[in-house]
Amino acid sequence: MVNYKELVEFIVRHLVTQPDAISVESGEEESGLKVMIRVAHEDVGRIIGKRGATINAIRLLAKAAAVKAGERVDVDIVEE
């Protein structure tokens, strides 16, 4: 079984300037697994990227791993 939380956390940890401020949580929903990313306020733009390119790439990687395992996963950023 693939641990999507660890996969997303690994990717995000290498993109941000404050890796200690990262919090990645996952939970089951009706539609599948939901992975929520929290980063420092200064790093939100790095995770989103231009026109959402970076977060879409992270979502694509997680979904590709899920398809191979026959599961469904969704990745979101929690902004505070």
C-alpha atoms as a PDB file:
ATOM      1  CA  MET A   1       0.000   0.000   0.000  1.00  0.00           C
ATOM      2  CA  VAL A   2       1.250   3.449  -0.928  1.00  0.00           C
ATOM      3  CA  ASN A   3       1.417   6.036   1.836  1.00  0.00           C
ATOM      4  CA  TYR A   4       0.222   9.161   0.021  1.00  0.00           C
ATOM      5  CA  LYS A   5       0.756  11.340   3.078  1.00  0.00           C
ATOM      6  CA  GLU A   6       4.472  10.506   3.125  1.00  0.00           C
ATOM      7  CA  LEU A   7       4.744  10.979  -0.646  1.00  0.00           C
ATOM      8  CA  VAL A   8       3.185  14.454  -0.508  1.00  0.00           C
ATOM      9  CA  GLU A   9       5.199  15.413   2.574  1.00  0.00           C
ATOM     10  CA  PHE A  10       8.458  14.358   0.866  1.00  0.00           C
ATOM     11  CA  ILE A  11       7.703  16.499  -2.183  1.00  0.00           C
ATOM     12  CA  VAL A  12       6.544  19.539  -0.201  1.00  0.00           C
ATOM     13  CA  ARG A  13       9.481  19.360   2.235  1.00  0.00           C
ATOM     14  CA  HIS A  14      11.891  19.816  -0.684  1.00  0.00           C
ATOM     15  CA  LEU A  15      10.015  22.822  -2.109  1.00  0.00           C
ATOM     16  CA  VAL A  16       9.622  25.092   0.910  1.00  0.00           C
ATOM     17  CA  THR A  17      12.039  27.367   2.755  1.00  0.00           C
ATOM     18  CA  GLN A  18      10.722  26.360   6.196  1.00  0.00           C
ATOM     19  CA  PRO A  19      10.455  22.554   6.189  1.00  0.00           C
ATOM     20  CA  ASP A  20       9.864  22.418   9.963  1.00  0.00           C
ATOM     21  CA  ALA A  21       6.587  24.324   9.543  1.00  0.00           C
ATOM     22  CA  ILE A  22       5.024  21.647   7.321  1.00  0.00           C
ATOM     23  CA  SER A  23       2.018  19.684   8.485  1.00  0.00           C
ATOM     24  CA  VAL A  24       0.512  17.010   6.246  1.00  0.00           C
ATOM     25  CA  GLU A  25      -2.625  15.223   7.415  1.00  0.00           C
ATOM     26  CA  SER A  26      -4.763  12.611   5.736  1.00  0.00           C
ATOM     27  CA  GLY A  27      -8.251  11.345   6.321  1.00  0.00           C
ATOM     28  CA  GLU A  28     -10.797   9.046   4.732  1.00  0.00           C
ATOM     29  CA  GLU A  29     -13.785  10.525   2.926  1.00  0.00           C
ATOM     30  CA  GLU A  30     -16.609   9.001   0.903  1.00  0.00           C
ATOM     31  CA  SER A  31     -14.817   9.768  -2.357  1.00  0.00           C
ATOM     32  CA  GLY A  32     -11.462   8.402  -1.129  1.00  0.00           C
ATOM     33  CA  LEU A  33      -8.449   9.647   0.790  1.00  0.00           C
ATOM     34  CA  LYS A  34      -7.950  13.383   1.336  1.00  0.00           C
ATOM     35  CA  VAL A  35      -4.445  14.760   2.004  1.00  0.00           C
ATOM     36  CA  MET A  36      -4.264  18.278   3.474  1.00  0.00           C
ATOM     37  CA  ILE A  37      -1.077  20.364   3.386  1.00  0.00           C
ATOM     38  CA  ARG A  38      -0.271  23.166   5.815  1.00  0.00           C
ATOM     39  CA  VAL A  39       2.871  25.251   5.288  1.00  0.00           C
ATOM     40  CA  ALA A  40       4.230  28.556   6.586  1.00  0.00           C
ATOM     41  CA  HIS A  41       2.463  31.611   5.169  1.00  0.00           C
ATOM     42  CA  GLU A  42       5.597  32.579   3.212  1.00  0.00           C
ATOM     43  CA  ASP A  43       5.695  29.180   1.473  1.00  0.00           C
ATOM     44  CA  VAL A  44       2.091  29.003   0.259  1.00  0.00           C
ATOM     45  CA  GLY A  45       3.037  30.672  -3.026  1.00  0.00           C
ATOM     46  CA  ARG A  46       5.862  28.187  -3.577  1.00  0.00           C
ATOM     47  CA  ILE A  47       3.470  25.262  -3.173  1.00  0.00           C
ATOM     48  CA  ILE A  48       0.806  26.757  -5.432  1.00  0.00           C
ATOM     49  CA  GLY A  49       3.242  27.912  -8.136  1.00  0.00           C
ATOM     50  CA  LYS A  50       2.450  30.018 -11.165  1.00  0.00           C
ATOM     51  CA  ARG A  51      -1.175  29.471 -12.155  1.00  0.00           C
ATOM     52  CA  GLY A  52      -1.292  26.496  -9.799  1.00  0.00           C
ATOM     53  CA  ALA A  53       1.285  24.484 -11.730  1.00  0.00           C
ATOM     54  CA  THR A  54       3.156  23.163  -8.679  1.00  0.00           C
ATOM     55  CA  ILE A  55       0.125  22.031  -6.663  1.00  0.00           C
ATOM     56  CA  ASN A  56      -1.357  20.482  -9.812  1.00  0.00           C
ATOM     57  CA  ALA A  57       1.867  18.520 -10.338  1.00  0.00           C
ATOM     58  CA  ILE A  58       1.756  17.295  -6.714  1.00  0.00           C
ATOM     59  CA  ARG A  59      -1.885  16.257  -7.203  1.00  0.00           C
ATOM     60  CA  LEU A  60      -0.999  14.472 -10.434  1.00  0.00           C
ATOM     61  CA  LEU A  61       1.784  12.463  -8.772  1.00  0.00           C
ATOM     62  CA  ALA A  62      -0.468  11.436  -5.874  1.00  0.00           C
ATOM     63  CA  LYS A  63      -3.311  10.471  -8.229  1.00  0.00           C
ATOM     64  CA  ALA A  64      -0.956   8.499 -10.470  1.00  0.00           C
ATOM     65  CA  ALA A  65       0.257   6.483  -7.477  1.00  0.00           C
ATOM     66  CA  ALA A  66      -3.363   5.949  -6.397  1.00  0.00           C
ATOM     67  CA  VAL A  67      -4.524   4.730  -9.810  1.00  0.00           C
ATOM     68  CA  LYS A  68      -1.865   2.045  -9.807  1.00  0.00           C
ATOM     69  CA  ALA A  69      -3.149   0.864  -6.413  1.00  0.00           C
ATOM     70  CA  GLY A  70      -6.799   1.168  -7.508  1.00  0.00           C
ATOM     71  CA  GLU A  71      -7.543   3.951  -5.022  1.00  0.00           C
ATOM     72  CA  ARG A  72      -8.576   7.596  -5.142  1.00  0.00           C
ATOM     73  CA  VAL A  73      -6.733  10.486  -3.482  1.00  0.00           C
ATOM     74  CA  ASP A  74      -7.211  14.261  -3.397  1.00  0.00           C
ATOM     75  CA  VAL A  75      -4.617  16.832  -2.275  1.00  0.00           C
ATOM     76  CA  ASP A  76      -5.525  20.301  -0.932  1.00  0.00           C
ATOM     77  CA  ILE A  77      -3.717  23.216   0.699  1.00  0.00           C
ATOM     78  CA  VAL A  78      -5.171  24.520   3.960  1.00  0.00           C
ATOM     79  CA  GLU A  79      -4.684  28.283   4.172  1.00  0.00           C
ATOM     80  CA  GLU A  80      -5.081  30.048   7.478  1.00  0.00           C
END
